[in-house]
Structure formats: structure tokens, C-alpha cells
C-alpha atoms as a PDB file:
ATOM      1  CA  MET A   1      68.233  77.914  76.709  1.00  0.00           C
ATOM      2  CA  ILE A   2      67.290  74.475  76.552  1.00  0.00           C
ATOM      3  CA  GLU A   3      69.933  71.882  77.146  1.00  0.00           C
ATOM      4  CA  PHE A   4      69.561  68.012  76.830  1.00  0.00           C
ATOM      5  CA  LYS A   5      71.622  65.700  77.868  1.00  0.00           C
ATOM      6  CA  ASN A   6      72.543  61.734  76.558  1.00  0.00           C
ATOM      7  CA  ILE A   7      68.955  61.499  75.305  1.00  0.00           C
ATOM      8  CA  LYS A   8      67.978  58.069  74.438  1.00  0.00           C
ATOM      9  CA  LYS A   9      64.566  56.764  72.727  1.00  0.00           C
ATOM     10  CA  ARG A  10      63.870  53.374  71.260  1.00  0.00           C
ATOM     11  CA  PHE A  11      60.618  52.142  69.879  1.00  0.00           C
ATOM     12  CA  GLY A  12      60.631  48.382  70.227  1.00  0.00           C
ATOM     13  CA  ASP A  13      63.891  47.182  68.923  1.00  0.00           C
ATOM     14  CA  LYS A  14      64.584  50.141  66.788  1.00  0.00           C
ATOM     15  CA  VAL A  15      66.895  52.926  68.470  1.00  0.00           C
ATOM     16  CA  VAL A  16      65.891  56.392  67.454  1.00  0.00           C
ATOM     17  CA  LEU A  17      67.921  58.627  69.760  1.00  0.00           C
ATOM     18  CA  ASP A  18      71.275  57.141  70.730  1.00  0.00           C
ATOM     19  CA  GLY A  19      72.680  59.555  73.402  1.00  0.00           C
ATOM     20  CA  VAL A  20      72.074  62.906  71.835  1.00  0.00           C
ATOM     21  CA  SER A  21      73.332  65.933  73.916  1.00  0.00           C
ATOM     22  CA  HIS A  22      73.234  69.771  72.828  1.00  0.00           C
ATOM     23  CA  VAL A  23      72.424  73.057  73.810  1.00  0.00           C
ATOM     24  CA  MET A  24      69.766  75.290  72.106  1.00  0.00           C
ATOM     25  CA  GLU A  25      70.603  78.804  72.783  1.00  0.00           C
ATOM     26  CA  THR A  26      68.529  81.904  73.789  1.00  0.00           C
ATOM     27  CA  GLY A  27      67.977  84.586  71.076  1.00  0.00           C
ATOM     28  CA  LYS A  28      69.231  82.190  68.269  1.00  0.00           C
ATOM     29  CA  THR A  29      67.524  80.049  65.502  1.00  0.00           C
ATOM     30  CA  ASN A  30      68.641  76.695  66.526  1.00  0.00           C
ATOM     31  CA  LEU A  31      67.973  74.098  63.736  1.00  0.00           C
ATOM     32  CA  ILE A  32      68.062  70.366  63.843  1.00  0.00           C
ATOM     33  CA  ILE A  33      68.655  68.901  60.210  1.00  0.00           C
ATOM     34  CA  GLY A  34      69.177  65.259  58.850  1.00  0.00           C
ATOM     35  CA  THR A  35      67.687  62.941  56.729  1.00  0.00           C
ATOM     36  CA  SER A  36      64.216  61.312  57.084  1.00  0.00           C
ATOM     37  CA  GLY A  37      64.739  58.946  59.881  1.00  0.00           C
ATOM     38  CA  SER A  38      67.595  60.430  61.479  1.00  0.00           C
ATOM     39  CA  GLY A  39      65.658  61.160  64.792  1.00  0.00           C
ATOM     40  CA  LYS A  40      65.078  64.937  64.615  1.00  0.00           C
ATOM     41  CA  THR A  41      61.297  64.943  64.644  1.00  0.00           C
ATOM     42  CA  VAL A  42      61.467  62.365  67.596  1.00  0.00           C
ATOM     43  CA  LEU A  43      63.947  64.595  69.529  1.00  0.00           C
ATOM     44  CA  GLN A  44      61.743  67.771  69.147  1.00  0.00           C
ATOM     45  CA  LYS A  45      58.751  65.671  70.522  1.00  0.00           C
ATOM     46  CA  CYS A  46      60.962  64.728  73.410  1.00  0.00           C
ATOM     47  CA  LEU A  47      61.900  68.242  74.182  1.00  0.00           C
ATOM     48  CA  VAL A  48      58.258  69.384  74.440  1.00  0.00           C
ATOM     49  CA  GLY A  49      57.027  66.284  76.245  1.00  0.00           C
ATOM     50  CA  LEU A  50      55.119  64.362  73.643  1.00  0.00           C
ATOM     51  CA  PHE A  51      57.394  61.648  74.012  1.00  0.00           C
ATOM     52  CA  GLU A  52      59.370  60.474  77.121  1.00  0.00           C
ATOM     53  CA  PRO A  53      63.071  59.695  76.442  1.00  0.00           C
ATOM     54  CA  ASP A  54      64.119  56.322  77.928  1.00  0.00           C
ATOM     55  CA  GLU A  55      67.207  57.922  79.468  1.00  0.00           C
ATOM     56  CA  GLY A  56      68.766  61.331  79.579  1.00  0.00           C
ATOM     57  CA  GLU A  57      67.730  64.892  81.133  1.00  0.00           C
ATOM     58  CA  ILE A  58      66.018  68.018  79.268  1.00  0.00           C
ATOM     59  CA  ILE A  59      66.874  71.177  81.268  1.00  0.00           C
ATOM     60  CA  TYR A  60      64.837  74.514  80.576  1.00  0.00           C
ATOM     61  CA  ASP A  61      66.924  77.384  81.844  1.00  0.00           C
ATOM     62  CA  GLY A  62      68.106  75.577  84.686  1.00  0.00           C
ATOM     63  CA  ARG A  63      64.755  73.611  85.442  1.00  0.00           C
ATOM     64  CA  SER A  64      64.738  70.001  84.762  1.00  0.00           C
ATOM     65  CA  PHE A  65      61.767  69.013  82.621  1.00  0.00           C
ATOM     66  CA  THR A  66      62.499  65.408  82.841  1.00  0.00           C
ATOM     67  CA  ASP A  67      61.936  65.566  86.557  1.00  0.00           C
ATOM     68  CA  MET A  68      58.954  67.962  86.519  1.00  0.00           C
ATOM     69  CA  SER A  69      55.415  67.043  87.689  1.00  0.00           C
ATOM     70  CA  GLN A  70      52.584  66.997  85.391  1.00  0.00           C
ATOM     71  CA  GLU A  71      51.383  70.333  86.803  1.00  0.00           C
ATOM     72  CA  GLU A  72      54.881  71.886  86.402  1.00  0.00           C
ATOM     73  CA  ARG A  73      54.912  70.814  82.945  1.00  0.00           C
ATOM     74  CA  LYS A  74      51.732  72.257  82.266  1.00  0.00           C
ATOM     75  CA  LEU A  75      52.723  75.528  83.570  1.00  0.00           C
ATOM     76  CA  LEU A  76      55.926  75.522  81.510  1.00  0.00           C
ATOM     77  CA  ARG A  77      54.036  74.741  78.258  1.00  0.00           C
ATOM     78  CA  GLN A  78      52.348  78.098  78.542  1.00  0.00           C
ATOM     79  CA  GLN A  79      55.510  79.464  77.664  1.00  0.00           C
ATOM     80  CA  ILE A  80      55.979  77.279  74.573  1.00  0.00           C
ATOM     81  CA  GLY A  81      54.771  78.220  71.212  1.00  0.00           C
ATOM     82  CA  MET A  82      54.533  75.680  68.537  1.00  0.00           C
ATOM     83  CA  LEU A  83      54.332  76.376  64.760  1.00  0.00           C
ATOM     84  CA  PHE A  84      53.271  73.182  63.226  1.00  0.00           C
ATOM     85  CA  GLN A  85      54.049  71.745  59.546  1.00  0.00           C
ATOM     86  CA  GLY A  86      50.804  72.341  58.140  1.00  0.00           C
ATOM     87  CA  SER A  87      49.958  75.364  60.093  1.00  0.00           C
ATOM     88  CA  ALA A  88      47.091  73.502  61.675  1.00  0.00           C
ATOM     89  CA  LEU A  89      44.622  76.177  61.812  1.00  0.00           C
ATOM     90  CA  PHE A  90      41.116  75.477  62.520  1.00  0.00           C
ATOM     91  CA  ASP A  91      39.067  75.658  59.225  1.00  0.00           C
ATOM     92  CA  SER A  92      36.052  76.699  60.843  1.00  0.00           C
ATOM     93  CA  MET A  93      37.193  79.618  62.822  1.00  0.00           C
ATOM     94  CA  THR A  94      38.534  82.903  61.420  1.00  0.00           C
ATOM     95  CA  VAL A  95      41.913  84.304  61.496  1.00  0.00           C
ATOM     96  CA  GLU A  96      41.318  86.255  64.575  1.00  0.00           C
ATOM     97  CA  GLU A  97      39.721  83.285  66.339  1.00  0.00           C
ATOM     98  CA  ASN A  98      42.578  80.849  65.599  1.00  0.00           C
ATOM     99  CA  ILE A  99      45.059  83.454  67.105  1.00  0.00           C
ATOM    100  CA  GLN A 100      42.850  84.051  70.132  1.00  0.00           C
ATOM    101  CA  PHE A 101      42.558  80.454  70.731  1.00  0.00           C
ATOM    102  CA  PRO A 102      45.552  80.152  73.136  1.00  0.00           C
ATOM    103  CA  LEU A 103      44.480  83.397  74.994  1.00  0.00           C
ATOM    104  CA  ASN A 104      40.931  81.566  75.672  1.00  0.00           C
ATOM    105  CA  MET A 105      42.786  78.409  76.680  1.00  0.00           C
ATOM    106  CA  PHE A 106      45.390  79.926  79.012  1.00  0.00           C
ATOM    107  CA  THR A 107      44.260  83.437  80.412  1.00  0.00           C
ATOM    108  CA  ASN A 108      41.346  85.037  81.991  1.00  0.00           C
ATOM    109  CA  ASP A 109      41.867  88.523  80.105  1.00  0.00           C
ATOM    110  CA  SER A 110      38.783  90.431  78.900  1.00  0.00           C
ATOM    111  CA  ASN A 111      37.556  90.180  75.203  1.00  0.00           C
ATOM    112  CA  SER A 112      38.852  93.572  74.484  1.00  0.00           C
ATOM    113  CA  LYS A 113      42.243  92.659  76.067  1.00  0.00           C
ATOM    114  CA  LYS A 114      42.544  89.644  73.840  1.00  0.00           C
ATOM    115  CA  LEU A 115      41.236  91.314  70.896  1.00  0.00           C
ATOM    116  CA  GLN A 116      44.198  93.922  71.426  1.00  0.00           C
ATOM    117  CA  ARG A 117      46.830  91.350  71.836  1.00  0.00           C
ATOM    118  CA  VAL A 118      45.311  89.677  68.497  1.00  0.00           C
ATOM    119  CA  ASN A 119      45.752  92.779  66.843  1.00  0.00           C
ATOM    120  CA  GLU A 120      49.247  93.441  68.004  1.00  0.00           C
ATOM    121  CA  VAL A 121      50.517  89.883  66.470  1.00  0.00           C
ATOM    122  CA  LEU A 122      48.659  90.288  63.264  1.00  0.00           C
ATOM    123  CA  GLU A 123      50.417  93.757  62.835  1.00  0.00           C
ATOM    124  CA  ARG A 124      53.788  92.069  63.559  1.00  0.00           C
ATOM    125  CA  VAL A 125      53.380  89.399  60.888  1.00  0.00           C
ATOM    126  CA  ASN A 126      52.017  92.003  58.377  1.00  0.00           C
ATOM    127  CA  LEU A 127      48.307  90.565  58.258  1.00  0.00           C
ATOM    128  CA  VAL A 128      46.698  93.566  59.637  1.00  0.00           C
ATOM    129  CA  GLY A 129      42.929  93.540  58.337  1.00  0.00           C
ATOM    130  CA  SER A 130      42.996  89.794  58.072  1.00  0.00           C
ATOM    131  CA  ASN A 131      40.918  89.289  61.089  1.00  0.00           C
ATOM    132  CA  LYS A 132      37.531  87.866  59.853  1.00  0.00           C
ATOM    133  CA  LYS A 133      39.027  85.901  56.867  1.00  0.00           C
ATOM    134  CA  LYS A 134      38.673  81.910  57.018  1.00  0.00           C
ATOM    135  CA  PRO A 135      42.074  79.947  56.268  1.00  0.00           C
ATOM    136  CA  SER A 136      40.190  78.815  53.000  1.00  0.00           C
ATOM    137  CA  GLU A 137      40.440  82.521  51.718  1.00  0.00           C
ATOM    138  CA  ILE A 138      44.068  83.124  52.635  1.00  0.00           C
ATOM    139  CA  SER A 139      47.488  81.907  50.969  1.00  0.00           C
ATOM    140  CA  GLY A 140      49.812  79.240  52.107  1.00  0.00           C
ATOM    141  CA  GLY A 141      52.409  81.878  53.306  1.00  0.00           C
ATOM    142  CA  MET A 142      49.472  83.940  54.961  1.00  0.00           C
ATOM    143  CA  LYS A 143      48.555  80.673  56.789  1.00  0.00           C
ATOM    144  CA  LYS A 144      52.144  80.292  58.075  1.00  0.00           C
ATOM    145  CA  ARG A 145      52.085  83.636  59.321  1.00  0.00           C
ATOM    146  CA  VAL A 146      48.831  83.199  60.959  1.00  0.00           C
ATOM    147  CA  GLY A 147      50.356  79.985  62.503  1.00  0.00           C
ATOM    148  CA  ILE A 148      53.308  82.179  63.733  1.00  0.00           C
ATOM    149  CA  ALA A 149      51.178  84.818  65.171  1.00  0.00           C
ATOM    150  CA  ARG A 150      49.276  82.363  67.232  1.00  0.00           C
ATOM    151  CA  ALA A 151      52.548  80.793  68.315  1.00  0.00           C
ATOM    152  CA  ILE A 152      53.766  83.999  69.668  1.00  0.00           C
ATOM    153  CA  VAL A 153      50.508  85.327  71.099  1.00  0.00           C
ATOM    154  CA  LEU A 154      51.219  84.399  74.553  1.00  0.00           C
ATOM    155  CA  ASN A 155      54.871  85.889  74.495  1.00  0.00           C
ATOM    156  CA  PRO A 156      56.692  82.559  74.659  1.00  0.00           C
ATOM    157  CA  LYS A 157      60.182  81.998  75.913  1.00  0.00           C
ATOM    158  CA  TYR A 158      60.635  79.143  73.569  1.00  0.00           C
ATOM    159  CA  LEU A 159      59.411  78.531  70.080  1.00  0.00           C
ATOM    160  CA  PHE A 160      59.290  75.273  68.183  1.00  0.00           C
ATOM    161  CA  CYS A 161      58.755  75.228  64.514  1.00  0.00           C
ATOM    162  CA  ASP A 162      58.544  71.840  62.409  1.00  0.00           C
ATOM    163  CA  GLU A 163      59.169  72.313  58.976  1.00  0.00           C
ATOM    164  CA  PRO A 164      58.087  75.991  58.756  1.00  0.00           C
ATOM    165  CA  ASN A 165      58.562  76.322  54.657  1.00  0.00           C
ATOM    166  CA  SER A 166      56.999  72.913  54.050  1.00  0.00           C
ATOM    167  CA  GLY A 167      54.777  73.641  51.005  1.00  0.00           C
ATOM    168  CA  LEU A 168      56.003  77.197  50.286  1.00  0.00           C
ATOM    169  CA  ASP A 169      57.556  78.482  47.130  1.00  0.00           C
ATOM    170  CA  PRO A 170      61.346  79.806  47.685  1.00  0.00           C
ATOM    171  CA  LYS A 171      60.478  83.588  47.978  1.00  0.00           C
ATOM    172  CA  THR A 172      57.666  83.100  50.423  1.00  0.00           C
ATOM    173  CA  SER A 173      60.150  80.591  52.482  1.00  0.00           C
ATOM    174  CA  MET A 174      62.608  83.575  52.683  1.00  0.00           C
ATOM    175  CA  VAL A 175      59.904  85.750  54.014  1.00  0.00           C
ATOM    176  CA  ILE A 176      59.006  83.185  56.650  1.00  0.00           C
ATOM    177  CA  ASP A 177      62.554  82.577  57.652  1.00  0.00           C
ATOM    178  CA  LYS A 178      63.147  86.309  57.943  1.00  0.00           C
ATOM    179  CA  LEU A 179      60.055  86.836  60.117  1.00  0.00           C
ATOM    180  CA  ILE A 180      61.057  83.942  62.566  1.00  0.00           C
ATOM    181  CA  LYS A 181      64.568  85.302  62.894  1.00  0.00           C
ATOM    182  CA  GLU A 182      63.237  88.568  63.684  1.00  0.00           C
ATOM    183  CA  LEU A 183      61.028  87.408  66.341  1.00  0.00           C
ATOM    184  CA  THR A 184      63.686  85.129  67.815  1.00  0.00           C
ATOM    185  CA  THR A 185      66.019  88.427  68.196  1.00  0.00           C
ATOM    186  CA  GLU A 186      63.472  90.583  68.986  1.00  0.00           C
ATOM    187  CA  TYR A 187      61.778  88.920  71.630  1.00  0.00           C
ATOM    188  CA  ASN A 188      65.051  86.798  72.832  1.00  0.00           C
ATOM    189  CA  ILE A 189      63.249  83.567  72.248  1.00  0.00           C
ATOM    190  CA  THR A 190      64.787  80.217  72.084  1.00  0.00           C
ATOM    191  CA  THR A 191      63.551  78.893  68.813  1.00  0.00           C
ATOM    192  CA  ILE A 192      64.168  75.465  67.559  1.00  0.00           C
ATOM    193  CA  ILE A 193      63.395  74.419  64.059  1.00  0.00           C
ATOM    194  CA  ASN A 194      63.318  71.056  62.201  1.00  0.00           C
ATOM    195  CA  THR A 195      64.055  71.728  58.822  1.00  0.00           C
ATOM    196  CA  HIS A 196      64.832  70.123  55.462  1.00  0.00           C
ATOM    197  CA  ASP A 197      65.139  73.622  53.723  1.00  0.00           C
ATOM    198  CA  MET A 198      68.951  74.020  52.770  1.00  0.00           C
ATOM    199  CA  ASN A 199      68.266  77.919  52.349  1.00  0.00           C
ATOM    200  CA  SER A 200      67.027  78.204  55.685  1.00  0.00           C
ATOM    201  CA  VAL A 201      70.109  76.652  57.081  1.00  0.00           C
ATOM    202  CA  MET A 202      72.415  78.791  54.904  1.00  0.00           C
ATOM    203  CA  GLU A 203      70.575  81.789  55.783  1.00  0.00           C
ATOM    204  CA  ILE A 204      69.324  81.553  59.625  1.00  0.00           C
ATOM    205  CA  GLY A 205      71.348  78.618  60.992  1.00  0.00           C
ATOM    206  CA  ASP A 206      72.857  80.351  64.060  1.00  0.00           C
ATOM    207  CA  ASN A 207      73.048  77.160  65.758  1.00  0.00           C
ATOM    208  CA  ILE A 208      72.888  73.980  63.799  1.00  0.00           C
ATOM    209  CA  LEU A 209      72.524  70.190  64.996  1.00  0.00           C
ATOM    210  CA  TYR A 210      73.074  67.616  62.147  1.00  0.00           C
ATOM    211  CA  MET A 211      71.833  64.218  63.052  1.00  0.00           C
ATOM    212  CA  VAL A 212      72.626  60.658  61.834  1.00  0.00           C
ATOM    213  CA  ASN A 213      70.913  57.782  62.799  1.00  0.00           C
ATOM    214  CA  GLY A 214      69.785  59.138  66.073  1.00  0.00           C
ATOM    215  CA  LYS A 215      73.268  60.482  66.988  1.00  0.00           C
ATOM    216  CA  LYS A 216      74.796  64.023  66.966  1.00  0.00           C
ATOM    217  CA  GLU A 217      76.941  64.129  63.874  1.00  0.00           C
ATOM    218  CA  TRP A 218      77.889  67.665  63.650  1.00  0.00           C
ATOM    219  CA  THR A 219      77.263  71.172  65.226  1.00  0.00           C
ATOM    220  CA  GLY A 220      78.173  74.642  63.971  1.00  0.00           C
ATOM    221  CA  ASN A 221      76.468  77.561  62.348  1.00  0.00           C
ATOM    222  CA  SER A 222      75.956  78.441  58.685  1.00  0.00           C
ATOM    223  CA  LYS A 223      79.381  80.006  58.178  1.00  0.00           C
ATOM    224  CA  ASP A 224      81.030  76.789  59.749  1.00  0.00           C
ATOM    225  CA  ILE A 225      79.226  74.655  57.049  1.00  0.00           C
ATOM    226  CA  ILE A 226      81.085  76.369  54.316  1.00  0.00           C
ATOM    227  CA  PHE A 227      84.417  75.031  55.756  1.00  0.00           C
ATOM    228  CA  SER A 228      83.323  71.976  57.127  1.00  0.00           C
ATOM    229  CA  ASP A 229      85.344  68.742  56.113  1.00  0.00           C
ATOM    230  CA  ASN A 230      82.720  66.592  57.545  1.00  0.00           C
ATOM    231  CA  LYS A 231      81.966  64.032  54.499  1.00  0.00           C
ATOM    232  CA  GLN A 232      78.316  63.088  55.569  1.00  0.00           C
ATOM    233  CA  LEU A 233      77.355  66.881  56.213  1.00  0.00           C
ATOM    234  CA  ASN A 234      78.722  67.962  53.048  1.00  0.00           C
ATOM    235  CA  GLU A 235      76.900  64.997  50.883  1.00  0.00           C
ATOM    236  CA  PHE A 236      73.780  66.011  52.854  1.00  0.00           C
ATOM    237  CA  ILE A 237      73.977  69.867  52.404  1.00  0.00           C
ATOM    238  CA  PHE A 238      75.671  70.079  48.968  1.00  0.00           C
ATOM    239  CA  ALA A 239      73.960  67.267  47.522  1.00  0.00           C
ATOM    240  CA  SER A 240      73.946  68.669  43.711  1.00  0.00           C
ATOM    241  CA  GLU A 241      76.658  70.103  41.629  1.00  0.00           C
ATOM    242  CA  PHE A 242      74.754  73.630  42.006  1.00  0.00           C
ATOM    243  CA  LEU A 243      75.008  73.455  45.519  1.00  0.00           C
ATOM    244  CA  GLN A 244      78.527  72.206  45.599  1.00  0.00           C
ATOM    245  CA  ASP A 245      79.513  75.288  43.306  1.00  0.00           C
ATOM    246  CA  ALA A 246      77.582  77.722  45.393  1.00  0.00           C
ATOM    247  CA  LYS A 247      79.684  76.243  48.360  1.00  0.00           C
ATOM    248  CA  THR A 248      82.759  77.060  46.672  1.00  0.00           C
ATOM    249  CA  MET A 249      81.759  80.541  45.754  1.00  0.00           C
ATOM    250  CA  ARG A 250      80.931  81.304  49.456  1.00  0.00           C
ATOM    251  CA  MET A 251      84.193  79.945  50.490  1.00  0.00           C
ATOM    252  CA  LEU A 252      85.784  82.465  48.036  1.00  0.00           C
ATOM    253  CA  GLU A 253      83.865  85.225  49.108  1.00  0.00           C
ATOM    254  CA  ALA A 254      84.721  84.515  52.870  1.00  0.00           C
ATOM    255  CA  GLN A 255      88.287  84.522  51.917  1.00  0.00           C
ATOM    256  CA  GLY A 256      88.011  87.758  50.087  1.00  0.00           C
ATOM    257  CA  LYS A 257      88.784  85.981  46.891  1.00  0.00           C
ATOM    258  CA  MET A 258      85.622  86.779  45.396  1.00  0.00           C
ATOM    259  CA  ASP A 259      83.050  89.736  45.324  1.00  0.00           C
ATOM    260  CA  GLY A 260      79.394  89.427  46.100  1.00  0.00           C
ATOM    261  CA  ASN A 261      78.793  89.436  42.339  1.00  0.00           C
ATOM    262  CA  GLY A 262      80.906  86.184  41.450  1.00  0.00           C
ATOM    263  CA  ASN A 263      83.790  88.062  40.310  1.00  0.00           C
ATOM    264  CA  MET A 264      87.122  87.130  41.209  1.00  0.00           C
ATOM    265  CA  VAL A 265      89.041  89.672  43.104  1.00  0.00           C
ATOM    266  CA  ASN A 266      92.443  90.406  42.151  1.00  0.00           C
ATOM    267  CA  LYS A 267      94.999  91.194  44.930  1.00  0.00           C
END
């Protein structure tokens, strides 16, 4: 669990985070959503220590991250996995070498043990046999899965994902969403995802924080969104007529008035 209380951050005269408080739950996919400039990226960077908040407290499972020494933070970061927006793979390294990189940095394991762990996570993300390929030789979806494999190779307690579906087609995005959700549940990880992908919000949004102008505007899960009467949230999530119709259908399904095939149920 990661809890943050009254987080404030400004750059010069611009207030980017204005007293944000929330709890990111363990074993759940915790999504941060909002328009560009809402503060979600700065919030995530504060949570991992890339930015220092001007005010407020960040707590990792009862431990105050805000008050930790640099050495204590370094140890904690070994429990954090990161999936970057563009995957951030090293072009000169093979898939195997990319995934092994954190093991080289943070462990003294033998090469055979490192390779064993690399193969374990490759199998988990369905990339068995891809060890010797270079990033230029694999698809965008495969690169994301390599990024996920690298992010979990140290068995992290916390996983941060920045726009994990950026640049992917809808079908591949669903595969990545499902994989992140499965890993979160399987390993009981506290997963925090910054996303603009509304399909991710509706499909894997266990715990959603919606931000507007650096403030918490709404919280809930994917089911709560369907019945929310928050005007700003509805305009953000259901911006088109197609999505508004989809919301109506989901509401009717939830109320038992429509079946999964879009047919009205007579009672």
C-alpha cells in the first residue's frame, strides 16, 4: 500500500499539485487519470522520489518515504519496478541483456541464476525464446512485454507504469492490460498506472484517482464510473456520443435491463 497525504508541488508560480491525498491499494491496479496538465505525471514522479513535494507525506506500507534518508530510499527503490512509456529498452542490448540489467545492478547472483530468472519472467510474459533478439527486431507489443519483464525481474512490491498502452493498437493494448492485471493479482503488487486509455480505465480500473488542475476530483472503480454523476468526470471519460451510448448500455446491463449482446430484457 502507498498512501500520500496533502501532497503539494509548485514550479515557480505554477501550482501543479494542490493538496492531493489518496491510498494506492495492494493487489489492485491503481489508475491515475486526467487531462494533460492535470498533475498526474508530477504526482507519480513525487511518489518514486524523482521530485520532492513541497508539502505532504508519502508512506510506503507504514514507512514514511518523505522522511527516509537517501540510503533508505535506495533500498526501497530495489522493491520498485518501472514500466516506462516508450519501454526505454537499450537498443544495443538483446532482450535477455535488457531484462538482466536490474539483476546486474542490484544483486550479486551468479550468471546462471540471473539467466534462470530472466527465463522465468520471459515465460511469464509469453516471450520464451526471444532472448537473443534486439529491440529493433521485435514488435511494439513485444517491447512492452520485455519492459514488463524487466520491471518484475527483481520481484517488486510496487510497480509504476507510465502510459503502458501508448503507441499500441487496441487489441495489443488489451493484452498488456490483462498481463499487468494478472501480475498485480498474482504477486500481490501495489500497481500504479498513469493512463489516457479509457479501455484500461473500464477494464482494469480497480482503484481510480481522477485529477483536475492538480486536485483530486473523484475516486472510485470502473463500475462506479458508470453511475457517477460527476460532470467533469463524465465529460472526460465519455467525451463522444459513442462512449455515451456505451455508458448507457453498461448501466442497463448492470441494472439487468439489457443482456451482454445489447438486447433489452423483458421482465
